[in-house]
Amino acid sequence: MITLKEILERVTFDAVWDNLIKYYPDMAQIKEKYVTVYESILLQNPATNVVEMIVHIDSIDSDDDKDKKDIEYRVHGKNNSPEWEGYWDLSASKWGEWLDFYVDQQVLEQFSNEQIVALCLVEMTWFGFSEERVKDRIDHLEDD
C-alpha cells in the first residue's frame, strides 16, 4: 500500500493548488497559508501508522445544491479497529500521522495524486493552519 507521504513526494504545490481551488474556489485568497502548511508537512517525519489507518475519499451530493450539480468530497479513515467498524474523522489527526496513513486503492484509481493531496490538505486544515491551532481547537471542543 502507498502512504500519503509517498504521494506527496510525487507532486508539486502548484499542481495541488490548482486542484484545491477547483474544488474550493472560496479558498483562493488563502494560498499563502496552504503554502506554509504544505512546506511544513514535507519537512515532517511520518509517525508510525500503528492503527493501520487507510484514507478514503467519497463524493457526496451537496445539501446546498438543489440541482445536484456540485459534488463535495469527504475525506475519512478506516482501520482494523475492533471497537469501531465505521469511518474515522481524520481532521484532528497530527500531520505526522497523516503522512504514514495508507491511501485506499479505489482512491488511487479515482483521483490523481494532486487531487488526493488537495483534498487531504483541506481536511488536515479543517481546524487550523498549524498543528498548534488544530490542537487548541480540539482541546476546546473536548471542554464543551
N, C-alpha and C. Protein backbone atom coordinates (compact mmCIF):
# COMPACT_ATOMS: atom_id res chain seq x y z
N MET A 1 0.83 -1.19 0.00
CA MET A 1 0.00 0.00 0.00
C MET A 1 0.87 1.25 0.00
N ILE A 2 0.36 2.28 -0.57
CA ILE A 2 1.09 3.54 -0.67
C ILE A 2 0.63 4.50 0.44
N THR A 3 1.56 5.28 0.94
CA THR A 3 1.23 6.23 2.00
C THR A 3 1.04 7.63 1.42
N LEU A 4 0.42 8.49 2.22
CA LEU A 4 0.25 9.87 1.80
C LEU A 4 1.61 10.55 1.58
N LYS A 5 2.59 10.23 2.40
CA LYS A 5 3.93 10.79 2.24
C LYS A 5 4.50 10.45 0.86
N GLU A 6 4.33 9.22 0.42
CA GLU A 6 4.82 8.81 -0.89
C GLU A 6 4.12 9.59 -2.00
N ILE A 7 2.84 9.84 -1.83
CA ILE A 7 2.10 10.62 -2.83
C ILE A 7 2.59 12.07 -2.82
N LEU A 8 2.81 12.62 -1.63
CA LEU A 8 3.30 14.00 -1.52
C LEU A 8 4.64 14.17 -2.25
N GLU A 9 5.45 13.17 -2.23
CA GLU A 9 6.77 13.24 -2.87
C GLU A 9 6.68 13.22 -4.40
N ARG A 10 5.49 12.94 -4.92
CA ARG A 10 5.30 12.84 -6.37
C ARG A 10 4.63 14.08 -6.98
N VAL A 11 4.27 15.05 -6.16
CA VAL A 11 3.51 16.20 -6.65
C VAL A 11 4.25 17.51 -6.40
N THR A 12 3.76 18.56 -7.03
CA THR A 12 4.25 19.90 -6.75
C THR A 12 3.12 20.69 -6.11
N PHE A 13 3.49 21.70 -5.34
CA PHE A 13 2.45 22.50 -4.71
C PHE A 13 1.55 23.17 -5.74
N ASP A 14 2.11 23.69 -6.80
CA ASP A 14 1.30 24.40 -7.80
C ASP A 14 0.21 23.50 -8.39
N ALA A 15 0.55 22.26 -8.68
CA ALA A 15 -0.44 21.32 -9.22
C ALA A 15 -1.49 20.97 -8.18
N VAL A 16 -1.07 20.83 -6.93
CA VAL A 16 -2.02 20.57 -5.84
C VAL A 16 -2.94 21.78 -5.68
N TRP A 17 -2.34 22.97 -5.70
CA TRP A 17 -3.13 24.19 -5.52
C TRP A 17 -4.19 24.34 -6.62
N ASP A 18 -3.84 24.04 -7.86
CA ASP A 18 -4.80 24.12 -8.96
C ASP A 18 -6.02 23.24 -8.68
N ASN A 19 -5.80 22.07 -8.11
CA ASN A 19 -6.91 21.18 -7.78
C ASN A 19 -7.68 21.67 -6.57
N LEU A 20 -6.97 22.17 -5.58
CA LEU A 20 -7.62 22.64 -4.37
C LEU A 20 -8.61 23.77 -4.67
N ILE A 21 -8.19 24.74 -5.46
CA ILE A 21 -9.12 25.85 -5.74
C ILE A 21 -10.20 25.46 -6.75
N LYS A 22 -9.96 24.40 -7.49
CA LYS A 22 -11.03 23.88 -8.36
C LYS A 22 -12.17 23.33 -7.49
N TYR A 23 -11.80 22.60 -6.43
CA TYR A 23 -12.80 22.05 -5.52
C TYR A 23 -13.36 23.10 -4.56
N TYR A 24 -12.50 24.02 -4.14
CA TYR A 24 -12.87 25.01 -3.12
C TYR A 24 -12.44 26.41 -3.58
N PRO A 25 -13.16 27.00 -4.56
CA PRO A 25 -12.75 28.30 -5.09
C PRO A 25 -12.73 29.42 -4.05
N ASP A 26 -13.50 29.29 -3.00
CA ASP A 26 -13.52 30.32 -1.95
C ASP A 26 -12.20 30.41 -1.20
N MET A 27 -11.34 29.44 -1.34
CA MET A 27 -10.08 29.42 -0.60
C MET A 27 -8.94 30.09 -1.36
N ALA A 28 -9.22 30.61 -2.54
CA ALA A 28 -8.16 31.19 -3.37
C ALA A 28 -7.39 32.29 -2.65
N GLN A 29 -8.03 33.02 -1.78
CA GLN A 29 -7.38 34.14 -1.09
C GLN A 29 -6.45 33.70 0.04
N ILE A 30 -6.41 32.43 0.38
CA ILE A 30 -5.56 31.98 1.49
C ILE A 30 -4.45 31.03 1.01
N LYS A 31 -3.99 31.27 -0.19
CA LYS A 31 -2.95 30.42 -0.77
C LYS A 31 -1.71 30.35 0.11
N GLU A 32 -1.26 31.49 0.63
CA GLU A 32 -0.02 31.51 1.43
C GLU A 32 -0.13 30.60 2.66
N LYS A 33 -1.32 30.51 3.24
CA LYS A 33 -1.50 29.61 4.39
C LYS A 33 -1.28 28.16 3.97
N TYR A 34 -1.80 27.82 2.80
CA TYR A 34 -1.62 26.45 2.31
C TYR A 34 -0.17 26.18 1.91
N VAL A 35 0.51 27.17 1.37
CA VAL A 35 1.93 27.01 1.05
C VAL A 35 2.70 26.67 2.32
N THR A 36 2.43 27.42 3.39
CA THR A 36 3.11 27.20 4.66
C THR A 36 2.82 25.81 5.21
N VAL A 37 1.57 25.38 5.16
CA VAL A 37 1.20 24.05 5.64
C VAL A 37 1.90 22.98 4.80
N TYR A 38 1.84 23.12 3.51
CA TYR A 38 2.44 22.14 2.59
C TYR A 38 3.94 21.99 2.87
N GLU A 39 4.62 23.12 2.99
CA GLU A 39 6.06 23.07 3.25
C GLU A 39 6.37 22.48 4.63
N SER A 40 5.54 22.78 5.60
CA SER A 40 5.71 22.23 6.94
C SER A 40 5.54 20.71 6.94
N ILE A 41 4.56 20.25 6.23
CA ILE A 41 4.28 18.81 6.17
C ILE A 41 5.43 18.06 5.50
N LEU A 42 5.97 18.64 4.43
CA LEU A 42 7.07 17.99 3.72
C LEU A 42 8.30 17.80 4.60
N LEU A 43 8.48 18.67 5.59
CA LEU A 43 9.65 18.59 6.47
C LEU A 43 9.48 17.60 7.62
N GLN A 44 8.26 17.14 7.82
CA GLN A 44 8.00 16.26 8.95
C GLN A 44 8.36 14.81 8.64
N ASN A 45 8.67 14.09 9.69
CA ASN A 45 8.85 12.65 9.59
C ASN A 45 7.52 11.97 9.88
N PRO A 46 7.19 10.95 9.12
CA PRO A 46 5.92 10.26 9.38
C PRO A 46 5.93 9.56 10.74
N ALA A 47 4.82 9.66 11.44
CA ALA A 47 4.62 8.86 12.65
C ALA A 47 4.23 7.46 12.19
N THR A 48 4.55 6.46 12.97
CA THR A 48 4.21 5.09 12.59
C THR A 48 2.70 4.89 12.64
N ASN A 49 2.18 4.33 11.59
CA ASN A 49 0.74 4.10 11.44
C ASN A 49 0.36 2.81 12.19
N VAL A 50 0.39 2.87 13.51
CA VAL A 50 0.16 1.68 14.31
C VAL A 50 -1.27 1.16 14.20
N VAL A 51 -2.21 2.04 13.87
CA VAL A 51 -3.61 1.61 13.76
C VAL A 51 -3.99 1.20 12.34
N GLU A 52 -2.99 1.24 11.43
CA GLU A 52 -3.19 0.85 10.04
C GLU A 52 -4.35 1.63 9.40
N MET A 53 -4.33 2.96 9.59
CA MET A 53 -5.37 3.82 9.04
C MET A 53 -5.23 3.92 7.53
N ILE A 54 -6.36 3.87 6.87
CA ILE A 54 -6.43 3.98 5.41
C ILE A 54 -7.33 5.16 5.07
N VAL A 55 -6.83 6.06 4.24
CA VAL A 55 -7.60 7.23 3.82
C VAL A 55 -8.57 6.84 2.72
N HIS A 56 -9.82 7.23 2.91
CA HIS A 56 -10.87 7.05 1.91
C HIS A 56 -11.37 8.43 1.51
N ILE A 57 -11.75 8.59 0.25
CA ILE A 57 -12.36 9.82 -0.22
C ILE A 57 -13.62 9.43 -0.96
N ASP A 58 -14.74 9.98 -0.51
CA ASP A 58 -16.03 9.70 -1.14
C ASP A 58 -16.62 10.99 -1.66
N SER A 59 -17.31 10.91 -2.77
CA SER A 59 -18.05 12.07 -3.26
C SER A 59 -19.46 11.99 -2.68
N ILE A 60 -19.96 13.15 -2.30
CA ILE A 60 -21.31 13.24 -1.74
C ILE A 60 -22.01 14.42 -2.39
N ASP A 61 -23.32 14.33 -2.53
CA ASP A 61 -24.08 15.46 -3.07
C ASP A 61 -24.13 16.57 -2.03
N SER A 62 -23.99 17.79 -2.50
CA SER A 62 -24.05 18.95 -1.62
C SER A 62 -25.49 19.19 -1.18
N ASP A 63 -25.68 19.42 0.10
CA ASP A 63 -27.01 19.74 0.63
C ASP A 63 -27.49 21.09 0.12
N ASP A 64 -26.55 21.95 -0.24
CA ASP A 64 -26.89 23.31 -0.69
C ASP A 64 -27.25 23.36 -2.17
N ASP A 65 -27.03 22.30 -2.88
CA ASP A 65 -27.21 22.30 -4.33
C ASP A 65 -28.46 21.51 -4.70
N LYS A 66 -29.54 22.22 -4.94
CA LYS A 66 -30.81 21.56 -5.26
C LYS A 66 -30.79 20.83 -6.60
N ASP A 67 -29.95 21.31 -7.53
CA ASP A 67 -29.86 20.69 -8.85
C ASP A 67 -28.88 19.53 -8.90
N LYS A 68 -28.17 19.29 -7.79
CA LYS A 68 -27.20 18.20 -7.67
C LYS A 68 -26.07 18.32 -8.70
N LYS A 69 -25.67 19.57 -9.00
CA LYS A 69 -24.56 19.78 -9.93
C LYS A 69 -23.22 19.78 -9.22
N ASP A 70 -23.21 20.25 -7.99
CA ASP A 70 -21.95 20.32 -7.23
C ASP A 70 -21.75 19.06 -6.42
N ILE A 71 -20.53 18.60 -6.42
CA ILE A 71 -20.18 17.43 -5.64
C ILE A 71 -19.20 17.86 -4.57
N GLU A 72 -19.41 17.40 -3.37
CA GLU A 72 -18.47 17.64 -2.28
C GLU A 72 -17.75 16.33 -2.00
N TYR A 73 -16.61 16.45 -1.35
CA TYR A 73 -15.81 15.26 -1.06
C TYR A 73 -15.61 15.13 0.43
N ARG A 74 -15.68 13.92 0.90
CA ARG A 74 -15.48 13.61 2.31
C ARG A 74 -14.22 12.75 2.42
N VAL A 75 -13.27 13.25 3.19
CA VAL A 75 -12.03 12.51 3.44
C VAL A 75 -12.14 11.95 4.85
N HIS A 76 -12.00 10.65 4.97
CA HIS A 76 -12.10 10.00 6.27
C HIS A 76 -11.23 8.75 6.28
N GLY A 77 -11.14 8.11 7.44
CA GLY A 77 -10.27 6.96 7.55
C GLY A 77 -11.01 5.71 7.99
N LYS A 78 -10.39 4.60 7.70
CA LYS A 78 -10.91 3.30 8.11
C LYS A 78 -9.71 2.47 8.57
N ASN A 79 -9.91 1.73 9.65
CA ASN A 79 -8.82 0.86 10.09
C ASN A 79 -9.40 -0.46 10.59
N ASN A 80 -8.55 -1.26 11.18
CA ASN A 80 -8.97 -2.59 11.64
C ASN A 80 -9.40 -2.58 13.10
N SER A 81 -9.88 -1.46 13.58
CA SER A 81 -10.25 -1.33 14.97
C SER A 81 -11.42 -2.26 15.33
N PRO A 82 -11.25 -3.05 16.39
CA PRO A 82 -12.36 -3.90 16.82
C PRO A 82 -13.45 -3.09 17.52
N GLU A 83 -13.14 -1.86 17.94
CA GLU A 83 -14.11 -1.05 18.67
C GLU A 83 -15.00 -0.21 17.76
N TRP A 84 -14.61 -0.04 16.51
CA TRP A 84 -15.38 0.82 15.61
C TRP A 84 -15.22 0.32 14.18
N GLU A 85 -16.33 -0.04 13.57
CA GLU A 85 -16.29 -0.54 12.19
C GLU A 85 -16.61 0.54 11.17
N GLY A 86 -16.98 1.74 11.65
CA GLY A 86 -17.30 2.84 10.74
C GLY A 86 -16.06 3.58 10.31
N TYR A 87 -16.28 4.77 9.80
CA TYR A 87 -15.19 5.62 9.35
C TYR A 87 -14.77 6.58 10.45
N TRP A 88 -13.50 6.91 10.48
CA TRP A 88 -12.93 7.83 11.45
C TRP A 88 -12.80 9.22 10.85
N ASP A 89 -13.10 10.24 11.64
CA ASP A 89 -12.84 11.62 11.26
C ASP A 89 -11.34 11.85 11.45
N LEU A 90 -10.65 12.26 10.40
CA LEU A 90 -9.20 12.42 10.45
C LEU A 90 -8.75 13.85 10.69
N SER A 91 -9.69 14.80 10.73
CA SER A 91 -9.32 16.21 10.79
C SER A 91 -8.53 16.58 12.03
N ALA A 92 -8.65 15.82 13.10
CA ALA A 92 -7.90 16.12 14.33
C ALA A 92 -6.59 15.34 14.43
N SER A 93 -6.27 14.57 13.41
CA SER A 93 -5.04 13.78 13.43
C SER A 93 -3.82 14.69 13.26
N LYS A 94 -2.74 14.30 13.90
CA LYS A 94 -1.49 15.05 13.75
C LYS A 94 -0.98 14.86 12.33
N TRP A 95 -0.32 15.89 11.83
CA TRP A 95 0.13 15.84 10.44
C TRP A 95 1.15 14.75 10.20
N GLY A 96 1.98 14.45 11.16
CA GLY A 96 2.93 13.36 11.01
C GLY A 96 2.22 12.01 10.89
N GLU A 97 1.08 11.88 11.57
CA GLU A 97 0.28 10.66 11.44
C GLU A 97 -0.28 10.54 10.03
N TRP A 98 -0.80 11.65 9.50
CA TRP A 98 -1.34 11.64 8.14
C TRP A 98 -0.32 11.09 7.14
N LEU A 99 0.93 11.46 7.33
CA LEU A 99 1.96 11.09 6.36
C LEU A 99 2.11 9.58 6.21
N ASP A 100 1.87 8.83 7.26
CA ASP A 100 2.02 7.38 7.20
C ASP A 100 0.68 6.66 7.01
N PHE A 101 -0.41 7.42 6.88
CA PHE A 101 -1.69 6.79 6.56
C PHE A 101 -1.61 6.22 5.15
N TYR A 102 -2.16 5.05 4.98
CA TYR A 102 -2.24 4.45 3.65
C TYR A 102 -3.37 5.12 2.88
N VAL A 103 -3.31 5.07 1.56
CA VAL A 103 -4.36 5.60 0.71
C VAL A 103 -5.06 4.42 0.05
N ASP A 104 -6.36 4.38 0.18
CA ASP A 104 -7.17 3.29 -0.35
C ASP A 104 -6.96 3.12 -1.86
N GLN A 105 -6.92 1.88 -2.30
CA GLN A 105 -6.68 1.58 -3.72
C GLN A 105 -7.73 2.22 -4.62
N GLN A 106 -8.99 2.23 -4.20
CA GLN A 106 -10.04 2.85 -5.01
C GLN A 106 -9.80 4.35 -5.17
N VAL A 107 -9.30 4.98 -4.12
CA VAL A 107 -8.98 6.40 -4.18
C VAL A 107 -7.87 6.63 -5.21
N LEU A 108 -6.87 5.78 -5.19
CA LEU A 108 -5.77 5.89 -6.15
C LEU A 108 -6.26 5.73 -7.59
N GLU A 109 -7.29 4.93 -7.79
CA GLU A 109 -7.82 4.70 -9.12
C GLU A 109 -8.74 5.83 -9.58
N GLN A 110 -9.41 6.49 -8.63
CA GLN A 110 -10.41 7.51 -8.98
C GLN A 110 -9.87 8.94 -9.00
N PHE A 111 -8.75 9.18 -8.31
CA PHE A 111 -8.23 10.54 -8.17
C PHE A 111 -6.76 10.58 -8.56
N SER A 112 -6.34 11.71 -9.07
CA SER A 112 -4.91 11.90 -9.34
C SER A 112 -4.19 12.14 -8.02
N ASN A 113 -2.87 12.02 -8.03
CA ASN A 113 -2.09 12.30 -6.82
C ASN A 113 -2.33 13.72 -6.33
N GLU A 114 -2.40 14.67 -7.25
CA GLU A 114 -2.63 16.07 -6.90
C GLU A 114 -4.00 16.27 -6.27
N GLN A 115 -5.02 15.59 -6.78
CA GLN A 115 -6.36 15.69 -6.20
C GLN A 115 -6.37 15.11 -4.79
N ILE A 116 -5.71 13.98 -4.61
CA ILE A 116 -5.67 13.34 -3.28
C ILE A 116 -5.03 14.29 -2.27
N VAL A 117 -3.89 14.85 -2.62
CA VAL A 117 -3.20 15.75 -1.70
C VAL A 117 -4.05 16.99 -1.43
N ALA A 118 -4.68 17.55 -2.45
CA ALA A 118 -5.52 18.74 -2.27
C ALA A 118 -6.66 18.46 -1.29
N LEU A 119 -7.35 17.37 -1.49
CA LEU A 119 -8.48 17.05 -0.61
C LEU A 119 -8.02 16.72 0.81
N CYS A 120 -6.90 16.04 0.94
CA CYS A 120 -6.36 15.75 2.27
C CYS A 120 -5.90 17.02 2.96
N LEU A 121 -5.29 17.96 2.23
CA LEU A 121 -4.86 19.22 2.84
C LEU A 121 -6.03 19.99 3.43
N VAL A 122 -7.13 20.00 2.73
CA VAL A 122 -8.32 20.69 3.25
C VAL A 122 -8.78 20.03 4.54
N GLU A 123 -8.80 18.72 4.57
CA GLU A 123 -9.22 18.01 5.79
C GLU A 123 -8.21 18.24 6.92
N MET A 124 -6.94 18.24 6.60
CA MET A 124 -5.89 18.43 7.60
C MET A 124 -5.97 19.82 8.25
N THR A 125 -6.46 20.80 7.50
CA THR A 125 -6.51 22.17 8.00
C THR A 125 -7.91 22.59 8.42
N TRP A 126 -8.79 21.63 8.58
CA TRP A 126 -10.18 21.92 8.95
C TRP A 126 -10.26 22.74 10.25
N PHE A 127 -9.39 22.44 11.19
CA PHE A 127 -9.40 23.12 12.49
C PHE A 127 -8.32 24.20 12.59
N GLY A 128 -7.51 24.39 11.55
CA GLY A 128 -6.50 25.44 11.61
C GLY A 128 -5.32 25.16 10.70
N PHE A 129 -4.49 26.19 10.54
CA PHE A 129 -3.36 26.12 9.63
C PHE A 129 -2.02 25.88 10.32
N SER A 130 -2.08 25.42 11.55
CA SER A 130 -0.88 24.97 12.25
C SER A 130 -1.31 23.85 13.19
N GLU A 131 -0.39 22.98 13.50
CA GLU A 131 -0.75 21.87 14.40
C GLU A 131 -1.13 22.40 15.78
N GLU A 132 -0.49 23.49 16.19
CA GLU A 132 -0.83 24.08 17.49
C GLU A 132 -2.28 24.57 17.49
N ARG A 133 -2.69 25.21 16.39
CA ARG A 133 -4.07 25.72 16.27
C ARG A 133 -5.06 24.55 16.25
N VAL A 134 -4.73 23.51 15.53
CA VAL A 134 -5.61 22.33 15.48
C VAL A 134 -5.77 21.75 16.88
N LYS A 135 -4.66 21.59 17.59
CA LYS A 135 -4.71 21.03 18.95
C LYS A 135 -5.54 21.92 19.86
N ASP A 136 -5.34 23.22 19.77
CA ASP A 136 -6.09 24.17 20.59
C ASP A 136 -7.59 24.07 20.32
N ARG A 137 -7.98 24.01 19.08
CA ARG A 137 -9.40 23.92 18.73
C ARG A 137 -10.00 22.60 19.20
N ILE A 138 -9.24 21.51 19.07
CA ILE A 138 -9.72 20.20 19.53
C ILE A 138 -9.87 20.20 21.05
N ASP A 139 -8.89 20.76 21.73
CA ASP A 139 -8.96 20.84 23.20
C ASP A 139 -10.20 21.61 23.63
N HIS A 140 -10.51 22.69 22.93
CA HIS A 140 -11.70 23.48 23.28
C HIS A 140 -12.98 22.71 22.99
N LEU A 141 -12.99 21.92 21.94
CA LEU A 141 -14.16 21.09 21.65
C LEU A 141 -14.38 20.07 22.75
N GLU A 142 -13.29 19.49 23.23
CA GLU A 142 -13.40 18.49 24.29
C GLU A 142 -13.88 19.11 25.60
N ASP A 143 -13.59 20.40 25.81
CA ASP A 143 -14.03 21.08 27.02
C ASP A 143 -15.52 21.39 27.01
N ASP A 144 -16.09 21.49 25.83
CA ASP A 144 -17.53 21.85 25.71
C ASP A 144 -18.44 20.69 26.06
